[in-house]
Amino acid sequence: MIFKNSFIENNAIIYKLTSDHGVCQVRERLDNRQRGLFSNHDFNVGEVLVKFSASNTLSEPDHLTIQLAQSSHIHLSPDYLQYVNHSCMPNVLFNTTTMEFECVREIKKGDELRFFYPATEWDMSQPFSCNCGSSNCLGVIKGASYMPASMLKDYKLSDFVRVMIENQ
């Protein structure tokens, strides 16, 4: 059964629209209730999808924060950005220097927006087993501090993570 405001993706996964924010929308998978953020537009590499700011700043990370510095972790505003899931083949980055959510790989309307968590996180509060399905999936995601610099060179990283790598 297909519900109003539902989308069929990959011939099998059904999503329900939970909220629309102009540039993107939050959708929930009906099979596992996981939410994700999906683009309402096409974007080219380097384009900014939206500016963001901190709704709250913490000294320690939690599962919803983005890291700005060693002891500075923020909850995002607008809050719908919390639904950006991880991928080992990301198409967006939280640029914590400019405070812009930017395109790092071509995005088509309807694509899920995904970022590489170690691009901003040095040591994550809740490591997890990745299921992104990309050919270069890294398996367990713990943060940039657990990865060799040679692996990170293929990703666009926040200035904070880049400095931490240089200082290792």
C-alpha atoms as a PDB file:
ATOM      1  CA  MET A   1       0.000   0.000   0.000  1.00  0.00           C
ATOM      2  CA  ILE A   2       1.337   3.465  -0.928  1.00  0.00           C
ATOM      3  CA  PHE A   3       0.354   6.329   1.379  1.00  0.00           C
ATOM      4  CA  LYS A   4      -0.207   9.977   0.530  1.00  0.00           C
ATOM      5  CA  ASN A   5       3.167  11.785   0.532  1.00  0.00           C
ATOM      6  CA  SER A   6       5.015   8.463   0.068  1.00  0.00           C
ATOM      7  CA  PHE A   7       7.907   7.872  -2.302  1.00  0.00           C
ATOM      8  CA  ILE A   8       9.218   4.644  -3.778  1.00  0.00           C
ATOM      9  CA  GLU A   9      13.008   4.534  -4.020  1.00  0.00           C
ATOM     10  CA  ASN A  10      15.285   1.793  -5.351  1.00  0.00           C
ATOM     11  CA  ASN A  11      12.200  -0.235  -6.368  1.00  0.00           C
ATOM     12  CA  ALA A  12      11.761  -1.470  -2.804  1.00  0.00           C
ATOM     13  CA  ILE A  13      12.119   1.202  -0.128  1.00  0.00           C
ATOM     14  CA  ILE A  14       9.068   3.297   0.655  1.00  0.00           C
ATOM     15  CA  TYR A  15       9.477   6.666   2.356  1.00  0.00           C
ATOM     16  CA  LYS A  16       6.890   8.902   3.956  1.00  0.00           C
ATOM     17  CA  LEU A  17       7.324  12.677   3.773  1.00  0.00           C
ATOM     18  CA  THR A  18       7.557  14.051   7.316  1.00  0.00           C
ATOM     19  CA  SER A  19       8.494  17.692   6.642  1.00  0.00           C
ATOM     20  CA  ASP A  20       9.453  19.975   3.744  1.00  0.00           C
ATOM     21  CA  HIS A  21      11.983  22.798   4.147  1.00  0.00           C
ATOM     22  CA  GLY A  22      12.155  24.270   0.643  1.00  0.00           C
ATOM     23  CA  VAL A  23      15.663  23.186  -0.277  1.00  0.00           C
ATOM     24  CA  CYS A  24      15.163  19.705   1.159  1.00  0.00           C
ATOM     25  CA  GLN A  25      12.727  17.433   2.935  1.00  0.00           C
ATOM     26  CA  VAL A  26      12.802  14.917   5.746  1.00  0.00           C
ATOM     27  CA  ARG A  27      11.530  11.479   4.765  1.00  0.00           C
ATOM     28  CA  GLU A  28      10.986   8.430   6.955  1.00  0.00           C
ATOM     29  CA  ARG A  29      11.469   4.868   5.749  1.00  0.00           C
ATOM     30  CA  LEU A  30       8.305   2.896   6.411  1.00  0.00           C
ATOM     31  CA  ASP A  31      10.153  -0.395   6.997  1.00  0.00           C
ATOM     32  CA  ASN A  32      12.516   0.772   9.776  1.00  0.00           C
ATOM     33  CA  ARG A  33      11.385   4.325  10.636  1.00  0.00           C
ATOM     34  CA  GLN A  34      14.840   5.767   9.912  1.00  0.00           C
ATOM     35  CA  ARG A  35      14.709   9.349   8.749  1.00  0.00           C
ATOM     36  CA  GLY A  36      16.871  10.988   6.128  1.00  0.00           C
ATOM     37  CA  LEU A  37      17.202  14.333   4.407  1.00  0.00           C
ATOM     38  CA  PHE A  38      16.501  14.475   0.649  1.00  0.00           C
ATOM     39  CA  SER A  39      17.183  17.235  -1.864  1.00  0.00           C
ATOM     40  CA  ASN A  40      14.369  19.154  -3.527  1.00  0.00           C
ATOM     41  CA  HIS A  41      16.779  20.554  -6.158  1.00  0.00           C
ATOM     42  CA  ASP A  42      19.833  19.746  -8.253  1.00  0.00           C
ATOM     43  CA  PHE A  43      23.156  21.062  -6.873  1.00  0.00           C
ATOM     44  CA  ASN A  44      26.644  21.279  -8.340  1.00  0.00           C
ATOM     45  CA  VAL A  45      29.892  20.777  -6.440  1.00  0.00           C
ATOM     46  CA  GLY A  46      30.692  23.860  -4.364  1.00  0.00           C
ATOM     47  CA  GLU A  47      27.132  25.157  -4.159  1.00  0.00           C
ATOM     48  CA  VAL A  48      25.714  25.991  -0.739  1.00  0.00           C
ATOM     49  CA  LEU A  49      22.449  24.292   0.129  1.00  0.00           C
ATOM     50  CA  VAL A  50      21.828  26.269   3.317  1.00  0.00           C
ATOM     51  CA  LYS A  51      23.698  28.196   5.998  1.00  0.00           C
ATOM     52  CA  PHE A  52      23.630  26.728   9.502  1.00  0.00           C
ATOM     53  CA  SER A  53      24.381  27.835  13.027  1.00  0.00           C
ATOM     54  CA  ALA A  54      24.474  26.468  16.552  1.00  0.00           C
ATOM     55  CA  SER A  55      21.249  26.065  18.468  1.00  0.00           C
ATOM     56  CA  ASN A  56      23.299  24.812  21.424  1.00  0.00           C
ATOM     57  CA  THR A  57      27.016  24.359  22.148  1.00  0.00           C
ATOM     58  CA  LEU A  58      28.407  21.492  24.223  1.00  0.00           C
ATOM     59  CA  SER A  59      31.911  20.704  25.497  1.00  0.00           C
ATOM     60  CA  GLU A  60      31.464  16.975  24.787  1.00  0.00           C
ATOM     61  CA  PRO A  61      29.984  15.321  21.688  1.00  0.00           C
ATOM     62  CA  ASP A  62      26.670  13.526  21.527  1.00  0.00           C
ATOM     63  CA  HIS A  63      25.060  11.644  18.664  1.00  0.00           C
ATOM     64  CA  LEU A  64      23.542  14.825  17.181  1.00  0.00           C
ATOM     65  CA  THR A  65      26.483  17.236  17.376  1.00  0.00           C
ATOM     66  CA  ILE A  66      28.905  18.530  14.781  1.00  0.00           C
ATOM     67  CA  GLN A  67      32.429  19.247  16.061  1.00  0.00           C
ATOM     68  CA  LEU A  68      33.865  22.747  15.653  1.00  0.00           C
ATOM     69  CA  ALA A  69      36.954  22.441  17.885  1.00  0.00           C
ATOM     70  CA  GLN A  70      38.501  20.131  20.478  1.00  0.00           C
ATOM     71  CA  SER A  71      35.870  20.997  23.119  1.00  0.00           C
ATOM     72  CA  SER A  72      33.192  22.627  20.990  1.00  0.00           C
ATOM     73  CA  HIS A  73      30.313  20.584  19.589  1.00  0.00           C
ATOM     74  CA  ILE A  74      27.090  22.093  18.284  1.00  0.00           C
ATOM     75  CA  HIS A  75      23.513  21.071  17.764  1.00  0.00           C
ATOM     76  CA  LEU A  76      22.469  22.335  14.360  1.00  0.00           C
ATOM     77  CA  SER A  77      20.067  25.061  13.420  1.00  0.00           C
ATOM     78  CA  PRO A  78      17.998  24.633  11.358  1.00  0.00           C
ATOM     79  CA  ASP A  79      17.241  21.460  13.288  1.00  0.00           C
ATOM     80  CA  TYR A  80      16.136  19.433  10.229  1.00  0.00           C
ATOM     81  CA  LEU A  81      19.853  19.104   9.388  1.00  0.00           C
ATOM     82  CA  GLN A  82      20.078  16.492  12.157  1.00  0.00           C
ATOM     83  CA  TYR A  83      18.573  14.019   9.663  1.00  0.00           C
ATOM     84  CA  VAL A  84      21.613  14.006   7.373  1.00  0.00           C
ATOM     85  CA  ASN A  85      22.890  10.433   7.489  1.00  0.00           C
ATOM     86  CA  HIS A  86      26.434   9.156   7.041  1.00  0.00           C
ATOM     87  CA  SER A  87      27.962   7.771   3.862  1.00  0.00           C
ATOM     88  CA  CYS A  88      31.483   6.715   2.972  1.00  0.00           C
ATOM     89  CA  MET A  89      30.693   8.347  -0.403  1.00  0.00           C
ATOM     90  CA  PRO A  90      29.228  11.681   0.751  1.00  0.00           C
ATOM     91  CA  ASN A  91      27.553  14.344  -1.349  1.00  0.00           C
ATOM     92  CA  VAL A  92      27.517  17.131   1.283  1.00  0.00           C
ATOM     93  CA  LEU A  93      29.768  18.612   3.966  1.00  0.00           C
ATOM     94  CA  PHE A  94      29.104  20.719   7.025  1.00  0.00           C
ATOM     95  CA  ASN A  95      31.731  23.403   6.430  1.00  0.00           C
ATOM     96  CA  THR A  96      32.303  24.470  10.026  1.00  0.00           C
ATOM     97  CA  THR A  97      34.522  27.420   9.038  1.00  0.00           C
ATOM     98  CA  THR A  98      31.936  29.142   6.826  1.00  0.00           C
ATOM     99  CA  MET A  99      28.945  27.542   8.607  1.00  0.00           C
ATOM    100  CA  GLU A 100      27.580  26.416   5.252  1.00  0.00           C
ATOM    101  CA  PHE A 101      26.096  23.075   4.263  1.00  0.00           C
ATOM    102  CA  GLU A 102      27.750  22.541   0.902  1.00  0.00           C
ATOM    103  CA  CYS A 103      27.647  20.158  -2.038  1.00  0.00           C
ATOM    104  CA  VAL A 104      30.813  18.038  -2.482  1.00  0.00           C
ATOM    105  CA  ARG A 105      29.444  15.646  -5.141  1.00  0.00           C
ATOM    106  CA  GLU A 106      26.742  16.346  -7.723  1.00  0.00           C
ATOM    107  CA  ILE A 107      23.247  16.115  -6.230  1.00  0.00           C
ATOM    108  CA  LYS A 108      20.074  15.462  -8.202  1.00  0.00           C
ATOM    109  CA  LYS A 109      16.557  16.285  -7.033  1.00  0.00           C
ATOM    110  CA  GLY A 110      15.394  13.407  -4.833  1.00  0.00           C
ATOM    111  CA  ASP A 111      18.905  12.289  -3.770  1.00  0.00           C
ATOM    112  CA  GLU A 112      19.482  11.593  -0.103  1.00  0.00           C
ATOM    113  CA  LEU A 113      21.899  14.114   1.399  1.00  0.00           C
ATOM    114  CA  ARG A 114      24.720  12.266   3.169  1.00  0.00           C
ATOM    115  CA  PHE A 115      27.951  13.378   4.757  1.00  0.00           C
ATOM    116  CA  PHE A 116      31.099  11.628   5.911  1.00  0.00           C
ATOM    117  CA  TYR A 117      30.948  11.841   9.716  1.00  0.00           C
ATOM    118  CA  PRO A 118      34.757  11.750  10.213  1.00  0.00           C
ATOM    119  CA  ALA A 119      34.924  14.908   8.047  1.00  0.00           C
ATOM    120  CA  THR A 120      33.903  16.868  11.156  1.00  0.00           C
ATOM    121  CA  GLU A 121      34.223  14.384  14.025  1.00  0.00           C
ATOM    122  CA  TRP A 122      37.597  13.580  15.587  1.00  0.00           C
ATOM    123  CA  ASP A 123      36.320  11.060  18.158  1.00  0.00           C
ATOM    124  CA  MET A 124      32.635  10.185  18.003  1.00  0.00           C
ATOM    125  CA  SER A 125      30.466   9.636  21.071  1.00  0.00           C
ATOM    126  CA  GLN A 126      28.667   6.687  19.447  1.00  0.00           C
ATOM    127  CA  PRO A 127      30.711   4.688  16.907  1.00  0.00           C
ATOM    128  CA  PHE A 128      28.611   2.521  14.608  1.00  0.00           C
ATOM    129  CA  SER A 129      28.778  -0.105  11.884  1.00  0.00           C
ATOM    130  CA  CYS A 130      28.251   1.598   8.561  1.00  0.00           C
ATOM    131  CA  ASN A 131      25.690   0.209   6.142  1.00  0.00           C
ATOM    132  CA  CYS A 132      26.004   2.878   3.451  1.00  0.00           C
ATOM    133  CA  GLY A 133      26.475   0.285   0.731  1.00  0.00           C
ATOM    134  CA  SER A 134      29.160   2.213  -1.159  1.00  0.00           C
ATOM    135  CA  SER A 135      31.984   0.271  -2.787  1.00  0.00           C
ATOM    136  CA  ASN A 136      34.476   1.996  -0.483  1.00  0.00           C
ATOM    137  CA  CYS A 137      32.495   1.498   2.749  1.00  0.00           C
ATOM    138  CA  LEU A 138      34.826   1.691   5.741  1.00  0.00           C
ATOM    139  CA  GLY A 139      32.812  -0.594   8.033  1.00  0.00           C
ATOM    140  CA  VAL A 140      33.031   0.831  11.549  1.00  0.00           C
ATOM    141  CA  ILE A 141      32.867   4.622  11.865  1.00  0.00           C
ATOM    142  CA  LYS A 142      34.473   6.061  15.019  1.00  0.00           C
ATOM    143  CA  GLY A 143      35.874   9.423  13.922  1.00  0.00           C
ATOM    144  CA  ALA A 144      38.862  10.766  12.012  1.00  0.00           C
ATOM    145  CA  SER A 145      41.334  10.029  14.831  1.00  0.00           C
ATOM    146  CA  TYR A 146      40.904   6.297  14.157  1.00  0.00           C
ATOM    147  CA  MET A 147      41.682   6.549  10.451  1.00  0.00           C
ATOM    148  CA  PRO A 148      45.050   6.773   8.714  1.00  0.00           C
ATOM    149  CA  ALA A 149      45.694  10.156   7.104  1.00  0.00           C
ATOM    150  CA  SER A 150      46.174   8.345   3.786  1.00  0.00           C
ATOM    151  CA  MET A 151      42.499   7.287   3.834  1.00  0.00           C
ATOM    152  CA  LEU A 152      41.247  10.747   4.797  1.00  0.00           C
ATOM    153  CA  LYS A 153      43.030  12.476   1.903  1.00  0.00           C
ATOM    154  CA  ASP A 154      40.232  11.400  -0.449  1.00  0.00           C
ATOM    155  CA  TYR A 155      37.600  13.337   1.533  1.00  0.00           C
ATOM    156  CA  LYS A 156      36.828  17.002   1.929  1.00  0.00           C
ATOM    157  CA  LEU A 157      37.353  17.648   5.650  1.00  0.00           C
ATOM    158  CA  SER A 158      36.543  20.430   8.069  1.00  0.00           C
ATOM    159  CA  ASP A 159      39.426  22.767   8.893  1.00  0.00           C
ATOM    160  CA  PHE A 160      39.386  21.450  12.475  1.00  0.00           C
ATOM    161  CA  VAL A 161      39.902  17.822  11.381  1.00  0.00           C
ATOM    162  CA  ARG A 162      42.556  18.884   8.858  1.00  0.00           C
ATOM    163  CA  VAL A 163      44.520  20.683  11.605  1.00  0.00           C
ATOM    164  CA  MET A 164      44.183  17.708  13.951  1.00  0.00           C
ATOM    165  CA  ILE A 165      45.638  15.402  11.262  1.00  0.00           C
ATOM    166  CA  GLU A 166      48.544  17.794  10.640  1.00  0.00           C
ATOM    167  CA  ASN A 167      49.299  17.917  14.389  1.00  0.00           C
ATOM    168  CA  GLN A 168      49.367  14.135  14.876  1.00  0.00           C
END
